[in-house]
Amino acid sequence: MNRLKKGDEVIVIAGKDKGKLGSVSQVMQNGKLLVDGINLVKKHVKPNPMSGDQGGIVSKEMPIDASNVALYNPETKKADRVGVREEDGVKVRYFKSNGKTVTA
């Protein structure tokens, strides 16, 4: 079971966006995540008249490594580690600091 899933609220713990909050929009197979509003880069785009693209400089979200983010705990308002345990035959994620299950 993955510790981070699509839709989770995460906080960046390392890198240029350290301390920012965002929501996971995509989890990739190589251990990277796309997080809304995090790791934005300026990308130069060529115009494409066939599809109607104007071109220019566009801000784009790039993948960030999963080790550089942590799940955000709304009760403690801090980053928290995640564990997995079995409850009634179903695996659930829980916060290691207070033992509460992650609701997502």
PDB file of N, CA and C in Angstrom:
ATOM      1  N   MET A   1       0.846  -1.188   0.000  1.00  0.00           N
ATOM      2  CA  MET A   1       0.000   0.000   0.000  1.00  0.00           C
ATOM      3  C   MET A   1       0.886   1.244   0.000  1.00  0.00           C
ATOM      4  N   ASN A   2       0.592   2.176  -0.909  1.00  0.00           N
ATOM      5  CA  ASN A   2       1.367   3.403  -0.983  1.00  0.00           C
ATOM      6  C   ASN A   2       1.052   4.297   0.204  1.00  0.00           C
ATOM      7  N   ARG A   3       2.055   4.998   0.674  1.00  0.00           N
ATOM      8  CA  ARG A   3       1.861   5.907   1.796  1.00  0.00           C
ATOM      9  C   ARG A   3       1.228   7.218   1.352  1.00  0.00           C
ATOM     10  N   LEU A   4       1.429   7.578   0.076  1.00  0.00           N
ATOM     11  CA  LEU A   4       0.828   8.788  -0.476  1.00  0.00           C
ATOM     12  C   LEU A   4      -0.073   8.407  -1.643  1.00  0.00           C
ATOM     13  N   LYS A   5      -1.254   9.021  -1.702  1.00  0.00           N
ATOM     14  CA  LYS A   5      -2.214   8.730  -2.759  1.00  0.00           C
ATOM     15  C   LYS A   5      -2.694  10.027  -3.389  1.00  0.00           C
ATOM     16  N   LYS A   6      -3.339   9.891  -4.536  1.00  0.00           N
ATOM     17  CA  LYS A   6      -3.921  11.034  -5.224  1.00  0.00           C
ATOM     18  C   LYS A   6      -4.962  11.687  -4.323  1.00  0.00           C
ATOM     19  N   GLY A   7      -4.885  13.009  -4.207  1.00  0.00           N
ATOM     20  CA  GLY A   7      -5.838  13.749  -3.373  1.00  0.00           C
ATOM     21  C   GLY A   7      -5.336  14.040  -1.973  1.00  0.00           C
ATOM     22  N   ASP A   8      -4.221  13.440  -1.554  1.00  0.00           N
ATOM     23  CA  ASP A   8      -3.674  13.693  -0.218  1.00  0.00           C
ATOM     24  C   ASP A   8      -3.131  15.114  -0.115  1.00  0.00           C
ATOM     25  N   GLU A   9      -3.273  15.704   1.063  1.00  0.00           N
ATOM     26  CA  GLU A   9      -2.700  17.015   1.348  1.00  0.00           C
ATOM     27  C   GLU A   9      -1.285  16.783   1.875  1.00  0.00           C
ATOM     28  N   VAL A  10      -0.285  17.337   1.183  1.00  0.00           N
ATOM     29  CA  VAL A  10       1.106  17.127   1.570  1.00  0.00           C
ATOM     30  C   VAL A  10       1.791  18.455   1.811  1.00  0.00           C
ATOM     31  N   ILE A  11       2.896  18.394   2.565  1.00  0.00           N
ATOM     32  CA  ILE A  11       3.734  19.561   2.818  1.00  0.00           C
ATOM     33  C   ILE A  11       5.140  19.225   2.329  1.00  0.00           C
ATOM     34  N   VAL A  12       5.781  20.181   1.676  1.00  0.00           N
ATOM     35  CA  VAL A  12       7.121  19.968   1.141  1.00  0.00           C
ATOM     36  C   VAL A  12       8.122  20.131   2.281  1.00  0.00           C
ATOM     37  N   ILE A  13       9.013  19.137   2.456  1.00  0.00           N
ATOM     38  CA  ILE A  13       9.978  19.169   3.555  1.00  0.00           C
ATOM     39  C   ILE A  13      11.404  19.428   3.077  1.00  0.00           C
ATOM     40  N   ALA A  14      11.621  19.459   1.747  1.00  0.00           N
ATOM     41  CA  ALA A  14      12.957  19.722   1.209  1.00  0.00           C
ATOM     42  C   ALA A  14      12.832  20.340  -0.170  1.00  0.00           C
ATOM     43  N   GLY A  15      13.769  21.217  -0.511  1.00  0.00           N
ATOM     44  CA  GLY A  15      13.792  21.819  -1.840  1.00  0.00           C
ATOM     45  C   GLY A  15      13.395  23.280  -1.822  1.00  0.00           C
ATOM     46  N   LYS A  16      13.231  23.851  -3.002  1.00  0.00           N
ATOM     47  CA  LYS A  16      12.975  25.289  -3.121  1.00  0.00           C
ATOM     48  C   LYS A  16      11.595  25.695  -2.613  1.00  0.00           C
ATOM     49  N   ASP A  17      10.650  24.767  -2.563  1.00  0.00           N
ATOM     50  CA  ASP A  17       9.292  25.053  -2.098  1.00  0.00           C
ATOM     51  C   ASP A  17       9.047  24.562  -0.676  1.00  0.00           C
ATOM     52  N   LYS A  18      10.101  24.441   0.112  1.00  0.00           N
ATOM     53  CA  LYS A  18       9.989  23.908   1.476  1.00  0.00           C
ATOM     54  C   LYS A  18       8.974  24.712   2.292  1.00  0.00           C
ATOM     55  N   GLY A  19       8.058  23.975   2.952  1.00  0.00           N
ATOM     56  CA  GLY A  19       7.050  24.593   3.798  1.00  0.00           C
ATOM     57  C   GLY A  19       5.718  24.837   3.113  1.00  0.00           C
ATOM     58  N   LYS A  20       5.638  24.654   1.802  1.00  0.00           N
ATOM     59  CA  LYS A  20       4.389  24.894   1.074  1.00  0.00           C
ATOM     60  C   LYS A  20       3.484  23.667   1.130  1.00  0.00           C
ATOM     61  N   LEU A  21       2.180  23.939   1.123  1.00  0.00           N
ATOM     62  CA  LEU A  21       1.167  22.882   1.117  1.00  0.00           C
ATOM     63  C   LEU A  21       0.610  22.712  -0.285  1.00  0.00           C
ATOM     64  N   GLY A  22       0.241  21.481  -0.626  1.00  0.00           N
ATOM     65  CA  GLY A  22      -0.373  21.213  -1.917  1.00  0.00           C
ATOM     66  C   GLY A  22      -1.085  19.883  -1.896  1.00  0.00           C
ATOM     67  N   SER A  23      -1.873  19.653  -2.920  1.00  0.00           N
ATOM     68  CA  SER A  23      -2.622  18.412  -3.051  1.00  0.00           C
ATOM     69  C   SER A  23      -2.000  17.564  -4.153  1.00  0.00           C
ATOM     70  N   VAL A  24      -1.857  16.269  -3.910  1.00  0.00           N
ATOM     71  CA  VAL A  24      -1.260  15.362  -4.886  1.00  0.00           C
ATOM     72  C   VAL A  24      -2.244  15.178  -6.039  1.00  0.00           C
ATOM     73  N   SER A  25      -1.789  15.483  -7.271  1.00  0.00           N
ATOM     74  CA  SER A  25      -2.663  15.324  -8.425  1.00  0.00           C
ATOM     75  C   SER A  25      -2.344  14.060  -9.215  1.00  0.00           C
ATOM     76  N   GLN A  26      -1.121  13.538  -9.069  1.00  0.00           N
ATOM     77  CA  GLN A  26      -0.767  12.304  -9.777  1.00  0.00           C
ATOM     78  C   GLN A  26       0.389  11.619  -9.055  1.00  0.00           C
ATOM     79  N   VAL A  27       0.314  10.301  -8.943  1.00  0.00           N
ATOM     80  CA  VAL A  27       1.396   9.494  -8.383  1.00  0.00           C
ATOM     81  C   VAL A  27       1.983   8.680  -9.524  1.00  0.00           C
ATOM     82  N   MET A  28       3.302   8.814  -9.736  1.00  0.00           N
ATOM     83  CA  MET A  28       3.958   8.121 -10.841  1.00  0.00           C
ATOM     84  C   MET A  28       4.640   6.855 -10.346  1.00  0.00           C
ATOM     85  N   GLN A  29       4.927   5.939 -11.273  1.00  0.00           N
ATOM     86  CA  GLN A  29       5.520   4.653 -10.929  1.00  0.00           C
ATOM     87  C   GLN A  29       6.954   4.772 -10.421  1.00  0.00           C
ATOM     88  N   ASN A  30       7.673   5.824 -10.815  1.00  0.00           N
ATOM     89  CA  ASN A  30       9.083   5.947 -10.457  1.00  0.00           C
ATOM     90  C   ASN A  30       9.297   6.625  -9.107  1.00  0.00           C
ATOM     91  N   GLY A  31       8.264   6.737  -8.288  1.00  0.00           N
ATOM     92  CA  GLY A  31       8.410   7.313  -6.956  1.00  0.00           C
ATOM     93  C   GLY A  31       8.315   8.823  -6.938  1.00  0.00           C
ATOM     94  N   LYS A  32       7.755   9.400  -7.979  1.00  0.00           N
ATOM     95  CA  LYS A  32       7.605  10.850  -8.042  1.00  0.00           C
ATOM     96  C   LYS A  32       6.125  11.221  -8.019  1.00  0.00           C
ATOM     97  N   LEU A  33       5.864  12.471  -7.647  1.00  0.00           N
ATOM     98  CA  LEU A  33       4.507  12.966  -7.511  1.00  0.00           C
ATOM     99  C   LEU A  33       4.348  14.284  -8.256  1.00  0.00           C
ATOM    100  N   LEU A  34       3.149  14.540  -8.738  1.00  0.00           N
ATOM    101  CA  LEU A  34       2.792  15.869  -9.223  1.00  0.00           C
ATOM    102  C   LEU A  34       1.918  16.491  -8.144  1.00  0.00           C
ATOM    103  N   VAL A  35       2.353  17.650  -7.629  1.00  0.00           N
ATOM    104  CA  VAL A  35       1.631  18.324  -6.565  1.00  0.00           C
ATOM    105  C   VAL A  35       1.182  19.683  -7.087  1.00  0.00           C
ATOM    106  N   ASP A  36      -0.086  20.020  -6.860  1.00  0.00           N
ATOM    107  CA  ASP A  36      -0.643  21.274  -7.361  1.00  0.00           C
ATOM    108  C   ASP A  36       0.088  22.475  -6.761  1.00  0.00           C
ATOM    109  N   GLY A  37       0.620  23.341  -7.626  1.00  0.00           N
ATOM    110  CA  GLY A  37       1.262  24.580  -7.195  1.00  0.00           C
ATOM    111  C   GLY A  37       2.670  24.418  -6.661  1.00  0.00           C
ATOM    112  N   ILE A  38       3.244  23.220  -6.750  1.00  0.00           N
ATOM    113  CA  ILE A  38       4.587  22.962  -6.221  1.00  0.00           C
ATOM    114  C   ILE A  38       5.525  22.621  -7.368  1.00  0.00           C
ATOM    115  N   ASN A  39       6.778  23.046  -7.272  1.00  0.00           N
ATOM    116  CA  ASN A  39       7.834  22.762  -8.243  1.00  0.00           C
ATOM    117  C   ASN A  39       7.465  23.297  -9.629  1.00  0.00           C
ATOM    118  N   LEU A  40       7.049  24.568  -9.666  1.00  0.00           N
ATOM    119  CA  LEU A  40       6.709  25.212 -10.925  1.00  0.00           C
ATOM    120  C   LEU A  40       7.984  25.650 -11.638  1.00  0.00           C
ATOM    121  N   VAL A  41       8.041  25.418 -12.942  1.00  0.00           N
ATOM    122  CA  VAL A  41       9.177  25.854 -13.749  1.00  0.00           C
ATOM    123  C   VAL A  41       8.641  26.626 -14.953  1.00  0.00           C
ATOM    124  N   LYS A  42       9.497  27.472 -15.507  1.00  0.00           N
ATOM    125  CA  LYS A  42       9.148  28.215 -16.717  1.00  0.00           C
ATOM    126  C   LYS A  42       9.569  27.372 -17.906  1.00  0.00           C
ATOM    127  N   LYS A  43       8.648  27.133 -18.803  1.00  0.00           N
ATOM    128  CA  LYS A  43       8.899  26.282 -19.965  1.00  0.00           C
ATOM    129  C   LYS A  43       8.655  27.108 -21.222  1.00  0.00           C
ATOM    130  N   HIS A  44       9.625  27.090 -22.143  1.00  0.00           N
ATOM    131  CA  HIS A  44       9.475  27.794 -23.414  1.00  0.00           C
ATOM    132  C   HIS A  44       8.757  26.866 -24.391  1.00  0.00           C
ATOM    133  N   VAL A  45       7.632  27.336 -24.939  1.00  0.00           N
ATOM    134  CA  VAL A  45       6.800  26.521 -25.806  1.00  0.00           C
ATOM    135  C   VAL A  45       6.752  27.151 -27.195  1.00  0.00           C
ATOM    136  N   LYS A  46       6.983  26.321 -28.207  1.00  0.00           N
ATOM    137  CA  LYS A  46       6.902  26.796 -29.581  1.00  0.00           C
ATOM    138  C   LYS A  46       5.438  26.926 -29.993  1.00  0.00           C
ATOM    139  N   PRO A  47       5.122  27.906 -30.826  1.00  0.00           N
ATOM    140  CA  PRO A  47       3.745  27.993 -31.316  1.00  0.00           C
ATOM    141  C   PRO A  47       3.422  26.852 -32.277  1.00  0.00           C
ATOM    142  N   ASN A  48       2.190  26.376 -32.239  1.00  0.00           N
ATOM    143  CA  ASN A  48       1.741  25.314 -33.124  1.00  0.00           C
ATOM    144  C   ASN A  48       0.440  25.760 -33.786  1.00  0.00           C
ATOM    145  N   PRO A  49       0.513  26.273 -35.015  1.00  0.00           N
ATOM    146  CA  PRO A  49      -0.702  26.779 -35.660  1.00  0.00           C
ATOM    147  C   PRO A  49      -1.718  25.681 -35.984  1.00  0.00           C
ATOM    148  N   MET A  50      -1.280  24.432 -36.086  1.00  0.00           N
ATOM    149  CA  MET A  50      -2.206  23.341 -36.387  1.00  0.00           C
ATOM    150  C   MET A  50      -3.200  23.113 -35.240  1.00  0.00           C
ATOM    151  N   SER A  51      -2.720  23.221 -34.002  1.00  0.00           N
ATOM    152  CA  SER A  51      -3.613  23.015 -32.865  1.00  0.00           C
ATOM    153  C   SER A  51      -4.043  24.330 -32.225  1.00  0.00           C
ATOM    154  N   GLY A  52      -3.529  25.452 -32.731  1.00  0.00           N
ATOM    155  CA  GLY A  52      -3.944  26.751 -32.210  1.00  0.00           C
ATOM    156  C   GLY A  52      -3.172  27.211 -30.993  1.00  0.00           C
ATOM    157  N   ASP A  53      -2.049  26.544 -30.650  1.00  0.00           N
ATOM    158  CA  ASP A  53      -1.229  26.959 -29.508  1.00  0.00           C
ATOM    159  C   ASP A  53      -0.461  28.218 -29.870  1.00  0.00           C
ATOM    160  N   GLN A  54      -0.478  29.198 -28.950  1.00  0.00           N
ATOM    161  CA  GLN A  54       0.156  30.470 -29.220  1.00  0.00           C
ATOM    162  C   GLN A  54       1.666  30.414 -29.003  1.00  0.00           C
ATOM    163  N   GLY A  55       2.115  29.692 -28.012  1.00  0.00           N
ATOM    164  CA  GLY A  55       3.531  29.634 -27.702  1.00  0.00           C
ATOM    165  C   GLY A  55       3.903  30.704 -26.693  1.00  0.00           C
ATOM    166  N   GLY A  56       5.167  30.711 -26.278  1.00  0.00           N
ATOM    167  CA  GLY A  56       5.657  31.670 -25.297  1.00  0.00           C
ATOM    168  C   GLY A  56       6.221  30.956 -24.088  1.00  0.00           C
ATOM    169  N   ILE A  57       6.251  31.660 -22.952  1.00  0.00           N
ATOM    170  CA  ILE A  57       6.783  31.102 -21.711  1.00  0.00           C
ATOM    171  C   ILE A  57       5.607  30.703 -20.826  1.00  0.00           C
ATOM    172  N   VAL A  58       5.575  29.423 -20.434  1.00  0.00           N
ATOM    173  CA  VAL A  58       4.457  28.867 -19.668  1.00  0.00           C
ATOM    174  C   VAL A  58       4.982  28.310 -18.352  1.00  0.00           C
ATOM    175  N   SER A  59       4.242  28.537 -17.259  1.00  0.00           N
ATOM    176  CA  SER A  59       4.576  27.906 -15.979  1.00  0.00           C
ATOM    177  C   SER A  59       3.988  26.506 -15.970  1.00  0.00           C
ATOM    178  N   LYS A  60       4.815  25.523 -15.608  1.00  0.00           N
ATOM    179  CA  LYS A  60       4.386  24.133 -15.637  1.00  0.00           C
ATOM    180  C   LYS A  60       4.828  23.445 -14.352  1.00  0.00           C
ATOM    181  N   GLU A  61       3.978  22.538 -13.843  1.00  0.00           N
ATOM    182  CA  GLU A  61       4.338  21.748 -12.661  1.00  0.00           C
ATOM    183  C   GLU A  61       5.198  20.573 -13.103  1.00  0.00           C
ATOM    184  N   MET A  62       6.296  20.365 -12.401  1.00  0.00           N
ATOM    185  CA  MET A  62       7.168  19.236 -12.682  1.00  0.00           C
ATOM    186  C   MET A  62       7.095  18.252 -11.517  1.00  0.00           C
ATOM    187  N   PRO A  63       7.421  16.980 -11.762  1.00  0.00           N
ATOM    188  CA  PRO A  63       7.359  15.983 -10.688  1.00  0.00           C
ATOM    189  C   PRO A  63       8.358  16.278  -9.574  1.00  0.00           C
ATOM    190  N   ILE A  64       7.977  15.935  -8.365  1.00  0.00           N
ATOM    191  CA  ILE A  64       8.837  16.073  -7.193  1.00  0.00           C
ATOM    192  C   ILE A  64       8.966  14.690  -6.563  1.00  0.00           C
ATOM    193  N   ASP A  65      10.129  14.384  -6.026  1.00  0.00           N
ATOM    194  CA  ASP A  65      10.345  13.069  -5.441  1.00  0.00           C
ATOM    195  C   ASP A  65       9.506  12.901  -4.182  1.00  0.00           C
ATOM    196  N   ALA A  66       8.986  11.716  -3.978  1.00  0.00           N
ATOM    197  CA  ALA A  66       8.110  11.447  -2.831  1.00  0.00           C
ATOM    198  C   ALA A  66       8.850  11.602  -1.502  1.00  0.00           C
ATOM    199  N   SER A  67      10.173  11.467  -1.519  1.00  0.00           N
ATOM    200  CA  SER A  67      10.939  11.613  -0.277  1.00  0.00           C
ATOM    201  C   SER A  67      11.026  13.068   0.170  1.00  0.00           C
ATOM    202  N   ASN A  68      10.682  14.006  -0.706  1.00  0.00           N
ATOM    203  CA  ASN A  68      10.758  15.429  -0.372  1.00  0.00           C
ATOM    204  C   ASN A  68       9.435  15.998   0.128  1.00  0.00           C
ATOM    205  N   VAL A  69       8.418  15.157   0.256  1.00  0.00           N
ATOM    206  CA  VAL A  69       7.139  15.598   0.796  1.00  0.00           C
ATOM    207  C   VAL A  69       6.713  14.667   1.924  1.00  0.00           C
ATOM    208  N   ALA A  70       5.861  15.184   2.799  1.00  0.00           N
ATOM    209  CA  ALA A  70       5.306  14.382   3.887  1.00  0.00           C
ATOM    210  C   ALA A  70       3.817  14.674   3.974  1.00  0.00           C
ATOM    211  N   LEU A  71       3.064  13.710   4.427  1.00  0.00           N
ATOM    212  CA  LEU A  71       1.626  13.882   4.588  1.00  0.00           C
ATOM    213  C   LEU A  71       1.367  14.936   5.659  1.00  0.00           C
ATOM    214  N   TYR A  72       0.427  15.833   5.397  1.00  0.00           N
ATOM    215  CA  TYR A  72       0.106  16.919   6.319  1.00  0.00           C
ATOM    216  C   TYR A  72      -0.989  16.454   7.273  1.00  0.00           C
ATOM    217  N   ASN A  73      -0.728  16.600   8.574  1.00  0.00           N
ATOM    218  CA  ASN A  73      -1.690  16.225   9.607  1.00  0.00           C
ATOM    219  C   ASN A  73      -2.462  17.472  10.027  1.00  0.00           C
ATOM    220  N   PRO A  74      -3.763  17.569   9.708  1.00  0.00           N
ATOM    221  CA  PRO A  74      -4.511  18.787  10.024  1.00  0.00           C
ATOM    222  C   PRO A  74      -4.718  19.018  11.524  1.00  0.00           C
ATOM    223  N   GLU A  75      -4.633  17.969  12.349  1.00  0.00           N
ATOM    224  CA  GLU A  75      -4.818  18.138  13.789  1.00  0.00           C
ATOM    225  C   GLU A  75      -3.613  18.822  14.419  1.00  0.00           C
ATOM    226  N   THR A  76      -2.411  18.355  14.057  1.00  0.00           N
ATOM    227  CA  THR A  76      -1.197  18.939  14.623  1.00  0.00           C
ATOM    228  C   THR A  76      -0.669  20.092  13.787  1.00  0.00           C
ATOM    229  N   LYS A  77      -1.195  20.245  12.550  1.00  0.00           N
ATOM    230  CA  LYS A  77      -0.765  21.266  11.596  1.00  0.00           C
ATOM    231  C   LYS A  77       0.726  21.157  11.280  1.00  0.00           C
ATOM    232  N   LYS A  78       1.202  19.907  11.183  1.00  0.00           N
ATOM    233  CA  LYS A  78       2.604  19.631  10.878  1.00  0.00           C
ATOM    234  C   LYS A  78       2.698  18.456   9.920  1.00  0.00           C
ATOM    235  N   ALA A  79       3.911  18.242   9.400  1.00  0.00           N
ATOM    236  CA  ALA A  79       4.184  17.053   8.599  1.00  0.00           C
ATOM    237  C   ALA A  79       4.179  15.845   9.515  1.00  0.00           C
ATOM    238  N   ASP A  80       3.747  14.710   8.989  1.00  0.00           N
ATOM    239  CA  ASP A  80       3.659  13.515   9.817  1.00  0.00           C
ATOM    240  C   ASP A  80       4.055  12.285   9.011  1.00  0.00           C
ATOM    241  N   ARG A  81       4.596  11.306   9.713  1.00  0.00           N
ATOM    242  CA  ARG A  81       4.921  10.031   9.074  1.00  0.00           C
ATOM    243  C   ARG A  81       3.671   9.162   9.026  1.00  0.00           C
ATOM    244  N   VAL A  82       3.664   8.238   8.073  1.00  0.00           N
ATOM    245  CA  VAL A  82       2.482   7.415   7.848  1.00  0.00           C
ATOM    246  C   VAL A  82       2.841   5.953   8.032  1.00  0.00           C
ATOM    247  N   GLY A  83       1.968   5.219   8.699  1.00  0.00           N
ATOM    248  CA  GLY A  83       2.122   3.781   8.837  1.00  0.00           C
ATOM    249  C   GLY A  83       0.907   3.087   8.240  1.00  0.00           C
ATOM    250  N   VAL A  84       1.022   1.776   8.067  1.00  0.00           N
ATOM    251  CA  VAL A  84      -0.083   0.982   7.531  1.00  0.00           C
ATOM    252  C   VAL A  84      -0.398  -0.122   8.539  1.00  0.00           C
ATOM    253  N   ARG A  85      -1.668  -0.272   8.856  1.00  0.00           N
ATOM    254  CA  ARG A  85      -2.101  -1.351   9.744  1.00  0.00           C
ATOM    255  C   ARG A  85      -3.398  -1.933   9.197  1.00  0.00           C
ATOM    256  N   GLU A  86      -3.751  -3.091   9.731  1.00  0.00           N
ATOM    257  CA  GLU A  86      -4.947  -3.782   9.261  1.00  0.00           C
ATOM    258  C   GLU A  86      -6.050  -3.635  10.298  1.00  0.00           C
ATOM    259  N   GLU A  87      -7.206  -3.145   9.843  1.00  0.00           N
ATOM    260  CA  GLU A  87      -8.384  -3.025  10.708  1.00  0.00           C
ATOM    261  C   GLU A  87      -9.548  -3.736  10.031  1.00  0.00           C
ATOM    262  N   ASP A  88     -10.090  -4.741  10.672  1.00  0.00           N
ATOM    263  CA  ASP A  88     -11.221  -5.533  10.142  1.00  0.00           C
ATOM    264  C   ASP A  88     -10.909  -6.116   8.774  1.00  0.00           C
ATOM    265  N   GLY A  89      -9.670  -6.571   8.578  1.00  0.00           N
ATOM    266  CA  GLY A  89      -9.278  -7.199   7.327  1.00  0.00           C
ATOM    267  C   GLY A  89      -8.976  -6.228   6.198  1.00  0.00           C
ATOM    268  N   VAL A  90      -8.960  -4.920   6.489  1.00  0.00           N
ATOM    269  CA  VAL A  90      -8.690  -3.906   5.464  1.00  0.00           C
ATOM    270  C   VAL A  90      -7.467  -3.098   5.893  1.00  0.00           C
ATOM    271  N   LYS A  91      -6.533  -2.892   4.961  1.00  0.00           N
ATOM    272  CA  LYS A  91      -5.362  -2.071   5.265  1.00  0.00           C
ATOM    273  C   LYS A  91      -5.758  -0.606   5.285  1.00  0.00           C
ATOM    274  N   VAL A  92      -5.351   0.111   6.343  1.00  0.00           N
ATOM    275  CA  VAL A  92      -5.611   1.541   6.450  1.00  0.00           C
ATOM    276  C   VAL A  92      -4.315   2.259   6.805  1.00  0.00           C
ATOM    277  N   ARG A  93      -4.231   3.512   6.384  1.00  0.00           N
ATOM    278  CA  ARG A  93      -3.073   4.337   6.725  1.00  0.00           C
ATOM    279  C   ARG A  93      -3.389   5.113   8.000  1.00  0.00           C
ATOM    280  N   TYR A  94      -2.351   5.352   8.813  1.00  0.00           N
ATOM    281  CA  TYR A  94      -2.544   6.104  10.046  1.00  0.00           C
ATOM    282  C   TYR A  94      -1.342   7.008  10.295  1.00  0.00           C
ATOM    283  N   PHE A  95      -1.592   8.099  11.042  1.00  0.00           N
ATOM    284  CA  PHE A  95      -0.524   9.012  11.423  1.00  0.00           C
ATOM    285  C   PHE A  95       0.260   8.408  12.573  1.00  0.00           C
ATOM    286  N   LYS A  96       1.585   8.425  12.467  1.00  0.00           N
ATOM    287  CA  LYS A  96       2.413   7.807  13.506  1.00  0.00           C
ATOM    288  C   LYS A  96       2.410   8.620  14.801  1.00  0.00           C
ATOM    289  N   SER A  97       2.167   9.934  14.729  1.00  0.00           N
ATOM    290  CA  SER A  97       2.257  10.767  15.925  1.00  0.00           C
ATOM    291  C   SER A  97       1.089  10.540  16.884  1.00  0.00           C
ATOM    292  N   ASN A  98      -0.144  10.443  16.351  1.00  0.00           N
ATOM    293  CA  ASN A  98      -1.287  10.295  17.238  1.00  0.00           C
ATOM    294  C   ASN A  98      -2.104   9.027  16.999  1.00  0.00           C
ATOM    295  N   GLY A  99      -1.738   8.227  15.993  1.00  0.00           N
ATOM    296  CA  GLY A  99      -2.408   6.956  15.761  1.00  0.00           C
ATOM    297  C   GLY A  99      -3.753   7.035  15.074  1.00  0.00           C
ATOM    298  N   LYS A 100      -4.197   8.234  14.690  1.00  0.00           N
ATOM    299  CA  LYS A 100      -5.486   8.377  14.010  1.00  0.00           C
ATOM    300  C   LYS A 100      -5.363   7.943  12.556  1.00  0.00           C
ATOM    301  N   THR A 101      -6.460   7.412  12.006  1.00  0.00           N
ATOM    302  CA  THR A 101      -6.427   6.961  10.610  1.00  0.00           C
ATOM    303  C   THR A 101      -6.498   8.165   9.668  1.00  0.00           C
ATOM    304  N   VAL A 102      -5.885   7.991   8.506  1.00  0.00           N
ATOM    305  CA  VAL A 102      -5.879   9.038   7.485  1.00  0.00           C
ATOM    306  C   VAL A 102      -7.190   8.976   6.742  1.00  0.00           C
ATOM    307  N   THR A 103      -7.890  10.102   6.643  1.00  0.00           N
ATOM    308  CA  THR A 103      -9.140  10.151   5.899  1.00  0.00           C
ATOM    309  C   THR A 103      -8.873  10.800   4.550  1.00  0.00           C
ATOM    310  N   ALA A 104      -9.067  10.029   3.477  1.00  0.00           N
ATOM    311  CA  ALA A 104      -8.823  10.571   2.138  1.00  0.00           C
ATOM    312  C   ALA A 104      -9.732   9.915   1.132  1.00  0.00           C
TER     313      ALA A 104
END
